[in-house]
Protein backbone atom coordinates (compact mmCIF):
# COMPACT_ATOMS: atom_id res chain seq x y z
CA MET A 1 28.46 -2.27 -18.05
CA ALA A 2 29.27 0.71 -16.01
CA ARG A 3 26.81 1.68 -13.29
CA VAL A 4 26.10 5.10 -14.84
CA GLN A 5 25.77 3.48 -18.26
CA VAL A 6 22.45 0.94 -16.92
CA SER A 7 21.10 4.71 -15.14
CA GLU A 8 20.93 6.43 -18.60
CA LEU A 9 20.00 3.64 -20.45
CA LEU A 10 17.00 2.96 -17.58
CA GLN A 11 16.52 6.37 -17.57
CA GLN A 12 15.63 6.54 -21.65
CA ARG A 13 13.47 3.12 -21.71
CA MET A 14 11.21 4.81 -18.65
CA ASN A 15 10.78 7.64 -20.46
CA ALA A 16 9.78 6.17 -23.28
CA ALA A 17 7.15 3.73 -21.61
CA ASN A 18 6.47 7.35 -19.38
CA PRO A 19 6.57 10.67 -21.98
CA THR A 20 4.84 12.51 -19.49
CA PRO A 21 5.60 13.17 -15.88
CA ASP A 22 2.04 12.99 -15.00
CA GLN A 23 2.62 9.29 -15.09
CA GLU A 24 3.68 7.58 -12.90
CA VAL A 25 7.03 5.08 -13.57
CA GLY A 26 9.83 6.05 -13.34
CA ALA A 27 8.79 9.71 -12.71
CA GLY A 28 10.72 8.95 -8.72
CA GLU A 29 13.58 11.09 -7.83
CA LEU A 30 16.71 10.11 -8.38
CA ALA A 31 18.10 7.95 -5.99
CA SER A 32 21.92 9.15 -4.96
CA GLY A 33 22.19 9.98 -8.08
CA HIS A 34 21.94 6.59 -10.46
CA LEU A 35 18.92 5.08 -10.92
CA PRO A 36 15.75 6.58 -10.50
CA ALA A 37 13.69 5.62 -7.85
CA PRO A 38 9.88 4.63 -9.51
CA ASN A 39 6.48 5.60 -7.86
CA ALA A 40 5.38 3.76 -4.43
CA THR A 41 2.64 1.84 -6.35
CA ALA A 42 5.37 0.55 -8.55
CA ALA A 43 7.83 -0.36 -5.46
CA SER A 44 5.16 -2.60 -3.02
CA LEU A 45 5.19 -4.37 -6.54
CA LEU A 46 8.03 -4.82 -6.80
CA GLY A 47 9.16 -5.28 -3.35
CA PHE A 48 6.28 -8.38 -3.08
CA LEU A 49 8.35 -9.95 -6.38
CA HIS A 50 11.23 -10.09 -4.10
CA ASP A 51 9.59 -13.38 -3.36
CA GLY A 52 9.15 -14.47 -6.55
CA PRO A 53 7.71 -14.92 -9.72
CA GLN A 54 3.84 -13.58 -9.71
CA SER A 55 1.46 -13.16 -11.87
CA GLY A 56 -0.89 -9.78 -11.63
CA TRP A 57 -3.80 -11.80 -9.26
CA GLU A 58 -0.89 -13.05 -6.92
CA LEU A 59 0.71 -9.54 -6.12
CA THR A 60 -3.38 -8.53 -5.95
CA ALA A 61 -4.01 -11.31 -4.02
CA ALA A 62 -0.75 -10.62 -1.84
CA VAL A 63 -1.03 -6.99 -0.95
CA GLN A 64 -4.55 -7.11 -0.34
CA ASN A 65 -3.87 -10.16 2.22
CA GLN A 66 -0.84 -8.12 3.71
CA LEU A 67 -1.61 -4.77 3.11
CA GLY A 68 -5.45 -4.82 2.93
CA GLY A 69 -6.41 -2.41 5.39
CA PHE A 70 -3.21 -0.33 5.11
CA TRP A 71 -3.11 0.10 1.18
CA SER A 72 -5.00 0.24 -0.93
CA ILE A 73 -4.61 -1.08 -4.59
CA SER A 74 -6.58 -2.86 -7.37
CA ARG A 75 -6.36 -5.22 -9.73
CA SER A 76 -6.37 -2.41 -13.12
CA GLN A 77 -3.86 -0.84 -11.23
CA VAL A 78 -1.86 -4.01 -10.85
CA HIS A 79 -1.89 -4.92 -14.29
CA ARG A 80 -0.90 -1.44 -15.01
CA GLU A 81 2.14 -1.00 -13.21
CA LEU A 82 3.19 -4.16 -14.07
CA LYS A 83 2.49 -3.53 -18.17
CA ARG A 84 4.76 -0.93 -16.98
CA LEU A 85 7.51 -2.06 -15.59
CA ALA A 86 7.56 -4.41 -18.18
CA ASP A 87 8.36 -1.60 -20.17
CA SER A 88 10.89 0.02 -18.58
CA ASP A 89 12.55 -3.66 -17.77
CA LEU A 90 12.51 -4.04 -14.57
CA VAL A 91 10.23 -7.00 -14.44
CA GLU A 92 9.99 -9.76 -16.82
CA THR A 93 7.95 -12.30 -17.84
CA GLY A 94 7.41 -16.00 -17.77
CA GLU A 95 5.65 -18.19 -19.36
CA ILE A 96 1.25 -18.61 -19.36
CA GLY A 97 -0.06 -20.91 -16.61
CA VAL A 98 -3.07 -22.26 -15.07
CA ARG A 99 -5.73 -20.26 -16.60
CA ASP A 100 -4.00 -18.15 -18.33
CA SER A 101 -2.07 -16.49 -15.86
CA LEU A 102 1.15 -14.49 -16.24
CA PRO A 103 3.59 -14.85 -14.23
CA TYR A 104 6.41 -11.67 -13.50
CA ARG A 105 9.31 -11.86 -12.12
CA ILE A 106 11.65 -8.67 -10.76
CA THR A 107 15.72 -8.39 -13.12
CA PRO A 108 18.38 -7.86 -12.76
CA THR A 109 17.88 -4.07 -11.94
CA GLY A 110 14.33 -4.01 -11.05
CA ARG A 111 16.32 -4.92 -8.05
CA ASP A 112 18.75 -1.83 -8.30
CA ALA A 113 15.13 0.52 -9.21
CA PHE A 114 13.89 -0.84 -6.04
CA ALA A 115 16.89 -0.63 -3.68
CA ALA A 116 16.48 3.57 -5.48
CA TRP A 117 13.00 3.75 -4.40
CA VAL A 118 13.48 2.00 0.01
CA SER A 119 16.97 4.27 0.22
CA ASN A 120 14.59 7.72 -0.29
CA GLY A 121 12.80 6.27 2.65
CA PRO A 122 8.70 7.43 2.81
CA GLU A 123 7.09 9.83 2.27
CA SER A 124 5.60 12.22 4.63
CA ALA A 125 1.96 9.63 6.01
CA THR A 126 -1.31 12.20 5.55
CA ILE A 127 -4.12 10.25 7.58
CA ARG A 128 -7.64 10.28 6.20
CA LEU A 129 -10.22 8.74 7.89
CA PRO A 130 -13.05 9.84 6.43
CA LEU A 131 -15.35 9.63 10.08
CA LEU A 132 -12.84 12.95 10.71
CA LEU A 133 -14.76 15.16 8.35
CA PHE A 134 -17.30 14.46 9.71
CA VAL A 135 -16.73 15.02 12.91
CA SER A 136 -14.41 18.76 12.43
CA LEU A 137 -18.39 19.27 10.96
CA GLY A 138 -20.28 18.32 13.55
CA ARG A 139 -21.75 21.87 14.71
CA HIS A 140 -23.89 21.90 11.15
CA LEU A 141 -25.28 18.30 11.34
CA ASP A 142 -28.45 16.67 13.52
CA PRO A 143 -27.27 15.27 17.48
CA ASP A 144 -28.39 12.27 16.65
CA VAL A 145 -26.97 11.48 13.18
CA LEU A 146 -23.80 12.25 14.14
CA ALA A 147 -24.22 9.94 17.41
CA SER A 148 -25.51 7.40 15.14
CA ILE A 149 -22.31 7.52 12.74
CA LEU A 150 -20.12 7.37 15.76
CA ARG A 151 -21.34 4.13 16.84
CA GLU A 152 -21.55 2.64 13.39
CA GLN A 153 -17.65 3.67 12.79
CA ARG A 154 -17.00 2.36 16.19
CA ALA A 155 -18.80 -0.79 15.50
CA HIS A 156 -16.36 -1.16 12.30
CA GLN A 157 -12.95 -0.80 14.20
CA ALA A 158 -14.17 -2.49 17.14
CA ALA A 159 -14.54 -5.37 14.51
CA LEU A 160 -11.18 -4.64 12.92
CA VAL A 161 -9.80 -5.74 16.01
CA ARG A 162 -10.95 -9.09 15.82
CA GLU A 163 -10.31 -9.31 12.41
CA TYR A 164 -6.89 -8.54 12.96
CA SER A 165 -5.83 -9.91 16.37
CA ALA A 166 -7.92 -13.38 14.29
CA ALA A 167 -5.53 -12.90 11.24
CA ARG A 168 -2.19 -12.40 13.82
CA ARG A 169 -3.04 -15.51 16.36
CA GLN A 170 -3.29 -17.40 12.44
CA LEU A 171 0.43 -15.63 11.69
CA GLU A 172 2.33 -16.74 15.06
CA ALA A 173 1.14 -20.26 13.40
CA THR A 174 2.67 -20.48 10.61
CA ASP A 175 6.51 -19.80 10.39
CA VAL A 176 5.61 -15.65 9.78
CA ASP A 177 8.55 -13.19 9.63
CA GLN A 178 8.60 -10.30 12.21
CA PHE A 179 7.99 -7.47 9.94
CA ARG A 180 4.77 -8.59 8.46
CA LEU A 181 3.60 -9.10 12.27
CA ALA A 182 4.57 -5.62 13.13
CA THR A 183 1.83 -4.74 10.46
CA ILE A 184 -0.95 -6.41 11.83
CA ASP A 185 0.29 -5.27 15.61
CA PHE A 186 0.19 -1.01 13.92
CA GLY A 187 -3.49 -2.19 12.41
CA ILE A 188 -4.32 -3.76 15.69
CA ARG A 189 -3.78 -0.77 17.87
CA THR A 190 -4.47 1.70 14.89
CA ALA A 191 -8.04 0.26 15.39
CA ARG A 192 -7.64 0.42 19.32
CA THR A 193 -7.36 3.61 19.63
CA THR A 194 -9.76 4.90 17.35
CA VAL A 195 -12.43 2.81 19.51
CA LYS A 196 -11.50 4.65 22.18
CA TRP A 197 -11.84 8.26 20.76
CA ILE A 198 -14.76 7.57 19.44
CA ASP A 199 -16.13 6.90 23.22
CA GLU A 200 -14.76 9.50 24.57
CA LEU A 201 -16.40 11.47 21.53
CA ILE A 202 -19.34 10.26 22.16
CA GLN A 203 -19.46 10.40 26.22
CA LYS A 204 -17.93 14.38 25.42
CA PHE A 205 -20.67 15.09 23.07
CA GLU A 206 -23.61 13.11 25.19
CA GLN A 207 -22.71 15.71 28.14
CA ILE A 208 -22.72 19.47 26.17
CA GLN A 209 -25.82 17.96 24.58
CA PRO A 210 -28.73 19.84 25.95
C-alpha cells in the first residue's frame, strides 16, 4: 500500500476514534505531510513499547521509574491512551496473561506515527515549580512563613539529589543505556541548582529583614 494511502487510512481511523479537535490522540500536526504525530503522552507510550510488549500497569511503572520526576502520567491516562492507540491501530493487544494483564505491542503504523512525532521535535519547555509562585508573591507573605516554605522546599530538593544519585549508582551497576543516565543526570543537576538558588534566597531575605 502506498504511503499516502497509509496516511489517509490512519487519519480516518484516528478521526473516528477522536471526532473532536480537543481530543488528544491523533490531534498532532502532520509530520512531513504524511503520518499525523500523536500527542506527547501517547507518543511516550509508543516509545516505551519499542522495548517490547507491555501491559498498562507495566507501562505506568516504566514511565514512573525512568521519568517519574520529570514526566507526570497516571495509570488512568495510560489506559485511556492505550485504548485510543488501539482504536487507531497504532498498538495491538496480545493474549491476556497473569492476573488478567493485557499486553500491548506497537504496530508498524505505530512506529511510523512515533517517528512522525519525533520529527516534530519537543515542544518549548515550561518550568512549573510551585515554589516560584510563592516567591513571586513573597511581598504578601509573612517573612517567617516564607522562610519556613523555603527551608521545607530546600529539604525536598536535597532529598531528590540523594534519591537520584542513589538511582544513578544502581543504574551504573547494570547494563543501562547512556540515555537513561543522561536523563537522571538532568534531575540531579536541576535539584542541586534549585538547592543553591534557595540557599541564596534565604540569605538574601535574611539580610533585608528588619
